[in-house]
């Protein structure tokens, strides 16, 4: 597939044909499972890119590769104009990642004061009083009382723990934050509060987010750009308004049709949208596509640009 993506000057992040496989045991043998194929996109400072896909689509693996927790097999990551090595010797401090399960991300034996102060101790020369001042400031920003500093993670609700995780990720004021399903395990009312908080911090600090989610409604609220990923392939990307108003890829269209709306029953499909696809298919969505044609089994889908910001991978014209 061609190098899909936006053409943007002054990029914060640029991915160029990222590929990743994992080895999987099958009986006495090992086989390589491809999880990412030629993933390319660009985002600029202040963007919120929603990376949308079903479970198993490769979106979390991509997030880990971006911040250096996994290494790619092939491809290049350019961060603020500098190509990052793979495997990396160190993760840039200007990149942080937030995971779905806040309890698993917090040391249960450490108090919140220690958890929030640790990044400052490891990465700055600030005095103890300066570190404590910054910790208290971020506790105020995430709207938790100061007495929280002397408590342990298990003494907080899920929403409160996620606020602590966010404070720890933001305390070094990174340029780029990868958020991997950060609100999906929370109640809807708590989700709304955290999304407003994330939006507020992004705007006042001019941070850049990659927001990983399977929930298009959540992504629509936060993201100004969207990339749709299926079986490790970016199949469509564009401005949020372009994707929601004029989705072009058949998979994007089916995802949007499945979003619950008032007065309309939830649409279900006779298959899992992320069912495994045989290796010999040139298009990852071919077996489930309602527009499948003969050419789909003969050539890989081309990347079609219908605007400077909107493109999709499909033989079917716009």
Protein backbone atom coordinates (compact mmCIF):
# COMPACT_ATOMS: atom_id res chain seq x y z
CA UNK A 1 0.00 0.00 0.00
CA UNK A 2 1.22 3.49 -0.72
CA UNK A 3 2.42 5.89 1.94
CA UNK A 4 -0.93 7.03 3.29
CA UNK A 5 -1.21 10.18 5.31
CA UNK A 6 -1.55 13.91 5.61
CA UNK A 7 0.96 16.31 4.12
CA UNK A 8 1.71 18.68 6.96
CA UNK A 9 4.55 21.09 7.62
CA UNK A 10 6.10 21.29 11.09
CA UNK A 11 5.07 17.78 12.13
CA UNK A 12 5.04 16.72 15.74
CA UNK A 13 5.12 13.07 14.70
CA UNK A 14 5.51 11.25 11.41
CA UNK A 15 5.24 7.48 10.94
CA UNK A 16 6.64 6.04 7.73
CA UNK A 17 5.57 2.51 6.80
CA UNK A 18 5.68 0.93 10.25
CA UNK A 19 5.59 -2.88 10.17
CA UNK A 20 5.42 -5.25 13.12
CA UNK A 21 5.11 -9.03 13.53
CA UNK A 22 5.00 -11.27 16.58
CA UNK A 23 6.10 -14.89 16.80
CA UNK A 24 3.39 -17.32 17.82
CA UNK A 25 3.81 -20.97 18.75
CA UNK A 26 1.77 -23.43 16.73
CA UNK A 27 2.44 -26.93 18.03
CA UNK A 28 6.21 -27.50 17.80
CA UNK A 29 6.65 -24.73 15.26
CA UNK A 30 6.70 -20.97 15.37
CA UNK A 31 4.99 -18.69 12.90
CA UNK A 32 5.09 -14.94 12.44
CA UNK A 33 1.82 -13.06 12.82
CA UNK A 34 1.74 -9.67 11.10
CA UNK A 35 0.06 -7.09 13.32
CA UNK A 36 0.97 -3.82 11.53
CA UNK A 37 1.45 -3.28 7.80
CA UNK A 38 2.91 -0.08 6.29
CA UNK A 39 1.28 2.21 8.85
CA UNK A 40 1.92 5.85 7.95
CA UNK A 41 0.51 9.13 9.18
CA UNK A 42 1.55 12.60 10.32
CA UNK A 43 0.25 14.88 13.04
CA UNK A 44 1.21 18.42 14.01
CA UNK A 45 1.48 20.12 17.38
CA UNK A 46 -1.87 20.55 19.09
CA UNK A 47 -3.63 17.86 17.07
CA UNK A 48 -5.74 15.14 18.67
CA UNK A 49 -5.63 12.09 16.43
CA UNK A 50 -8.26 9.47 17.18
CA UNK A 51 -6.90 6.02 16.30
CA UNK A 52 -10.01 3.87 15.92
CA UNK A 53 -10.30 0.12 15.52
CA UNK A 54 -11.74 -3.05 16.97
CA UNK A 55 -9.94 -5.20 19.52
CA UNK A 56 -6.98 -6.92 17.89
CA UNK A 57 -6.57 -4.32 15.15
CA UNK A 58 -3.03 -3.43 16.27
CA UNK A 59 -3.79 0.02 17.67
CA UNK A 60 -2.32 -0.60 21.15
CA UNK A 61 0.80 -2.17 19.65
CA UNK A 62 1.21 0.92 17.47
CA UNK A 63 0.88 3.16 20.53
CA UNK A 64 3.62 1.23 22.33
CA UNK A 65 5.89 1.44 19.28
CA UNK A 66 5.42 5.22 19.11
CA UNK A 67 6.54 5.77 22.72
CA UNK A 68 9.30 3.13 22.57
CA UNK A 69 7.78 0.34 24.65
CA UNK A 70 7.90 -1.91 21.57
CA UNK A 71 10.21 -1.79 18.56
CA UNK A 72 9.03 -1.93 14.97
CA UNK A 73 10.41 -4.48 12.50
CA UNK A 74 10.56 -1.92 9.71
CA UNK A 75 9.72 1.72 9.20
CA UNK A 76 10.71 5.09 10.59
CA UNK A 77 9.37 7.28 13.39
CA UNK A 78 10.21 10.96 13.18
CA UNK A 79 9.48 12.96 16.33
CA UNK A 80 9.86 16.75 16.19
CA UNK A 81 12.10 16.44 13.13
CA UNK A 82 14.38 13.74 14.55
CA UNK A 83 14.28 10.09 13.43
CA UNK A 84 14.08 7.77 16.45
CA UNK A 85 16.19 4.63 16.52
CA UNK A 86 14.63 1.17 16.85
CA UNK A 87 15.11 -0.45 19.26
CA UNK A 88 15.49 2.73 21.25
CA UNK A 89 18.06 3.22 23.97
CA UNK A 90 15.72 5.59 25.78
CA UNK A 91 12.21 6.93 25.36
CA UNK A 92 12.01 10.70 24.80
CA UNK A 93 10.77 12.40 27.97
CA UNK A 94 8.52 14.48 25.74
CA UNK A 95 6.45 11.34 25.03
CA UNK A 96 4.18 9.67 27.58
CA UNK A 97 1.58 6.91 27.45
CA UNK A 98 -1.58 6.35 29.53
CA UNK A 99 -3.12 2.88 29.70
CA UNK A 100 -6.68 1.64 30.17
CA UNK A 101 -6.25 0.01 33.60
CA UNK A 102 -5.08 2.65 36.10
CA UNK A 103 -4.72 0.21 39.01
CA UNK A 104 -2.25 -1.93 37.03
CA UNK A 105 -0.26 1.23 36.24
CA UNK A 106 0.21 2.28 39.87
CA UNK A 107 2.53 0.69 42.43
CA UNK A 108 0.14 -0.50 45.19
CA UNK A 109 2.87 -0.13 47.85
CA UNK A 110 3.60 3.52 47.15
CA UNK A 111 1.65 6.53 48.33
CA UNK A 112 0.41 9.02 45.76
CA UNK A 113 3.06 11.55 46.82
CA UNK A 114 5.81 9.08 45.86
CA UNK A 115 4.08 8.04 42.62
CA UNK A 116 3.69 11.60 41.37
CA UNK A 117 7.09 12.81 42.56
CA UNK A 118 9.06 9.92 41.03
CA UNK A 119 9.16 11.24 37.41
CA UNK A 120 10.47 14.58 38.71
CA UNK A 121 13.13 12.90 40.88
CA UNK A 122 14.35 10.76 37.99
CA UNK A 123 14.29 13.37 35.25
CA UNK A 124 14.89 16.81 36.76
CA UNK A 125 17.31 18.56 39.12
CA UNK A 126 14.48 20.21 41.05
CA UNK A 127 14.83 20.59 44.79
CA UNK A 128 12.52 18.58 47.05
CA UNK A 129 10.43 21.67 47.82
CA UNK A 130 10.07 22.45 44.09
CA UNK A 131 9.01 18.85 43.36
CA UNK A 132 6.40 18.92 46.09
CA UNK A 133 5.09 22.24 44.79
CA UNK A 134 4.65 20.77 41.27
CA UNK A 135 2.98 17.64 42.65
CA UNK A 136 0.46 19.74 44.59
CA UNK A 137 -0.20 21.88 41.50
CA UNK A 138 -1.05 18.84 39.38
CA UNK A 139 -3.20 17.37 42.10
CA UNK A 140 -5.21 20.60 41.97
CA UNK A 141 -5.36 20.44 38.16
CA UNK A 142 -6.83 16.92 38.22
CA UNK A 143 -9.22 18.02 40.97
CA UNK A 144 -8.14 15.72 43.80
CA UNK A 145 -7.80 16.92 47.42
CA UNK A 146 -4.31 17.45 48.83
CA UNK A 147 -4.86 14.76 51.47
CA UNK A 148 -4.78 12.26 48.60
CA UNK A 149 -0.98 12.45 48.70
CA UNK A 150 -0.82 10.28 51.84
CA UNK A 151 -3.14 7.57 50.51
CA UNK A 152 -2.55 4.42 48.44
CA UNK A 153 -3.98 3.60 44.99
CA UNK A 154 -6.48 1.03 46.29
CA UNK A 155 -8.13 3.74 48.41
CA UNK A 156 -9.41 5.56 45.31
CA UNK A 157 -12.22 4.91 42.84
CA UNK A 158 -11.45 3.95 39.23
CA UNK A 159 -12.04 7.49 38.00
CA UNK A 160 -9.82 8.97 40.72
CA UNK A 161 -7.04 6.50 39.93
CA UNK A 162 -7.16 7.46 36.29
CA UNK A 163 -6.80 11.12 37.29
CA UNK A 164 -3.68 10.16 39.27
CA UNK A 165 -2.29 8.31 36.24
CA UNK A 166 -2.98 11.35 34.06
CA UNK A 167 -1.29 13.67 36.56
CA UNK A 168 1.78 11.42 36.55
CA UNK A 169 1.86 11.36 32.72
CA UNK A 170 1.44 15.14 32.45
CA UNK A 171 3.74 16.18 35.31
CA UNK A 172 6.78 16.48 33.01
CA UNK A 173 4.60 18.43 30.54
CA UNK A 174 5.26 16.17 27.53
CA UNK A 175 4.70 17.30 23.95
CA UNK A 176 2.96 14.07 22.90
CA UNK A 177 0.70 11.79 24.96
CA UNK A 178 -0.60 8.44 23.70
CA UNK A 179 -3.86 7.61 25.48
CA UNK A 180 -4.79 3.93 25.13
CA UNK A 181 -8.52 3.50 25.87
CA UNK A 182 -8.12 5.72 28.98
CA UNK A 183 -11.85 5.98 29.78
CA UNK A 184 -13.34 2.74 28.42
CA UNK A 185 -13.42 0.96 31.80
CA UNK A 186 -15.22 3.83 33.55
CA UNK A 187 -18.88 4.75 34.02
CA UNK A 188 -20.32 7.08 31.38
CA UNK A 189 -20.59 10.04 33.79
CA UNK A 190 -16.95 9.60 34.86
CA UNK A 191 -15.93 9.24 31.21
CA UNK A 192 -17.51 12.61 30.43
CA UNK A 193 -15.64 14.30 33.29
CA UNK A 194 -12.28 12.87 32.23
CA UNK A 195 -12.83 13.74 28.58
CA UNK A 196 -13.56 17.35 29.54
CA UNK A 197 -10.40 17.34 31.65
CA UNK A 198 -8.30 15.91 28.81
CA UNK A 199 -9.71 18.50 26.42
CA UNK A 200 -8.98 21.32 28.90
CA UNK A 201 -5.35 20.23 29.50
CA UNK A 202 -4.75 19.74 25.79
CA UNK A 203 -5.94 23.24 25.04
CA UNK A 204 -4.09 25.10 27.80
CA UNK A 205 -0.81 23.18 27.41
CA UNK A 206 -1.00 22.83 23.59
CA UNK A 207 -0.33 19.11 23.94
CA UNK A 208 -0.64 16.63 21.10
CA UNK A 209 -2.67 13.48 21.73
CA UNK A 210 -3.02 10.14 20.02
CA UNK A 211 -6.30 8.90 21.45
CA UNK A 212 -6.73 5.13 20.94
CA UNK A 213 -10.31 3.89 21.14
CA UNK A 214 -12.94 1.57 19.69
CA UNK A 215 -15.66 4.08 20.62
CA UNK A 216 -16.41 6.53 17.81
CA UNK A 217 -18.67 8.66 20.01
CA UNK A 218 -15.79 9.30 22.42
CA UNK A 219 -13.36 9.98 19.59
CA UNK A 220 -15.78 12.43 17.95
CA UNK A 221 -15.86 14.49 21.15
CA UNK A 222 -12.10 14.81 21.52
CA UNK A 223 -10.34 14.33 18.17
CA UNK A 224 -9.90 16.76 15.30
CA UNK A 225 -8.38 14.05 13.09
CA UNK A 226 -9.18 10.34 12.81
CA UNK A 227 -7.33 7.31 11.48
CA UNK A 228 -9.27 4.06 11.05
CA UNK A 229 -7.20 0.88 11.51
CA UNK A 230 -8.26 -2.63 10.51
CA UNK A 231 -6.08 -5.75 10.85
CA UNK A 232 -3.00 -3.58 11.19
CA UNK A 233 -3.75 -1.47 8.10
CA UNK A 234 -4.74 2.20 8.10
CA UNK A 235 -7.79 2.05 5.82
CA UNK A 236 -8.95 5.67 6.10
CA UNK A 237 -7.89 8.91 7.70
CA UNK A 238 -9.00 12.51 7.62
CA UNK A 239 -10.42 15.36 9.62
CA UNK A 240 -13.03 14.27 12.14
CA UNK A 241 -15.75 16.09 10.20
CA UNK A 242 -14.70 14.36 6.96
CA UNK A 243 -14.80 10.88 8.48
CA UNK A 244 -18.12 11.37 10.25
CA UNK A 245 -19.91 13.13 7.40
CA UNK A 246 -18.37 11.39 4.36
CA UNK A 247 -16.78 8.06 5.36
CA UNK A 248 -15.35 6.42 2.24
CA UNK A 249 -13.91 3.06 3.24
CA UNK A 250 -16.52 0.27 3.63
CA UNK A 251 -15.14 -0.57 7.08
CA UNK A 252 -15.45 3.06 8.23
CA UNK A 253 -19.02 3.13 6.94
CA UNK A 254 -19.92 -0.04 8.84
CA UNK A 255 -18.36 1.28 12.06
CA UNK A 256 -20.43 4.45 11.81
CA UNK A 257 -23.60 2.50 11.03
CA UNK A 258 -23.03 0.51 14.21
CA UNK A 259 -22.91 3.59 16.48
CA UNK A 260 -26.06 3.59 18.69
CA UNK A 261 -28.43 6.52 18.11
CA UNK A 262 -31.71 7.58 19.64
CA UNK A 263 -34.68 6.12 17.79
CA UNK A 264 -32.59 3.63 15.86
CA UNK A 265 -31.89 0.04 16.90
CA UNK A 266 -28.27 -0.98 17.39
CA UNK A 267 -27.05 -2.49 14.15
CA UNK A 268 -25.30 -5.84 14.37
CA UNK A 269 -23.44 -7.81 11.75
CA UNK A 270 -23.35 -11.51 10.97
CA UNK A 271 -19.61 -11.57 11.60
CA UNK A 272 -16.99 -10.02 13.82
CA UNK A 273 -15.62 -6.93 12.11
CA UNK A 274 -12.19 -8.05 13.27
CA UNK A 275 -12.41 -11.69 12.21
CA UNK A 276 -9.14 -13.18 11.04
CA UNK A 277 -8.34 -12.65 7.38
CA UNK A 278 -6.40 -15.23 5.33
CA UNK A 279 -2.84 -14.14 4.56
CA UNK A 280 -3.31 -14.33 0.79
CA UNK A 281 -5.93 -11.58 0.70
CA UNK A 282 -4.52 -8.34 -0.69
CA UNK A 283 -7.15 -6.22 1.07
CA UNK A 284 -7.59 -6.94 4.79
CA UNK A 285 -11.35 -6.24 4.57
CA UNK A 286 -12.05 -8.13 1.35
CA UNK A 287 -13.85 -11.11 2.90
CA UNK A 288 -16.40 -8.84 4.62
CA UNK A 289 -16.73 -6.03 2.07
CA UNK A 290 -20.16 -5.45 0.55
CA UNK A 291 -18.51 -3.84 -2.49
CA UNK A 292 -16.05 -6.65 -3.13
CA UNK A 293 -15.08 -6.91 -6.81
CA UNK A 294 -12.78 -9.05 -8.93
CA UNK A 295 -9.97 -6.47 -8.83
CA UNK A 296 -9.83 -6.75 -5.03
CA UNK A 297 -8.29 -10.21 -5.34
CA UNK A 298 -5.84 -9.09 -8.04
CA UNK A 299 -4.22 -5.91 -6.71
CA UNK A 300 -3.70 -4.29 -3.31
CA UNK A 301 -6.04 -1.34 -2.75
CA UNK A 302 -4.57 2.03 -3.79
CA UNK A 303 -4.52 5.01 -1.46
CA UNK A 304 -7.03 7.51 -2.83
CA UNK A 305 -6.85 11.14 -1.72
CA UNK A 306 -10.09 13.04 -2.01
CA UNK A 307 -8.82 16.16 -0.22
CA UNK A 308 -5.48 17.33 1.20
CA UNK A 309 -6.50 15.80 4.55
CA UNK A 310 -8.78 12.90 3.62
CA UNK A 311 -7.82 9.59 2.04
CA UNK A 312 -8.69 5.92 2.07
CA UNK A 313 -7.36 2.57 0.79
CA UNK A 314 -9.85 1.01 -1.61
CA UNK A 315 -10.38 0.22 -5.30
CA UNK A 316 -13.85 1.74 -5.09
CA UNK A 317 -13.92 5.37 -6.17
CA UNK A 318 -15.21 8.19 -4.01
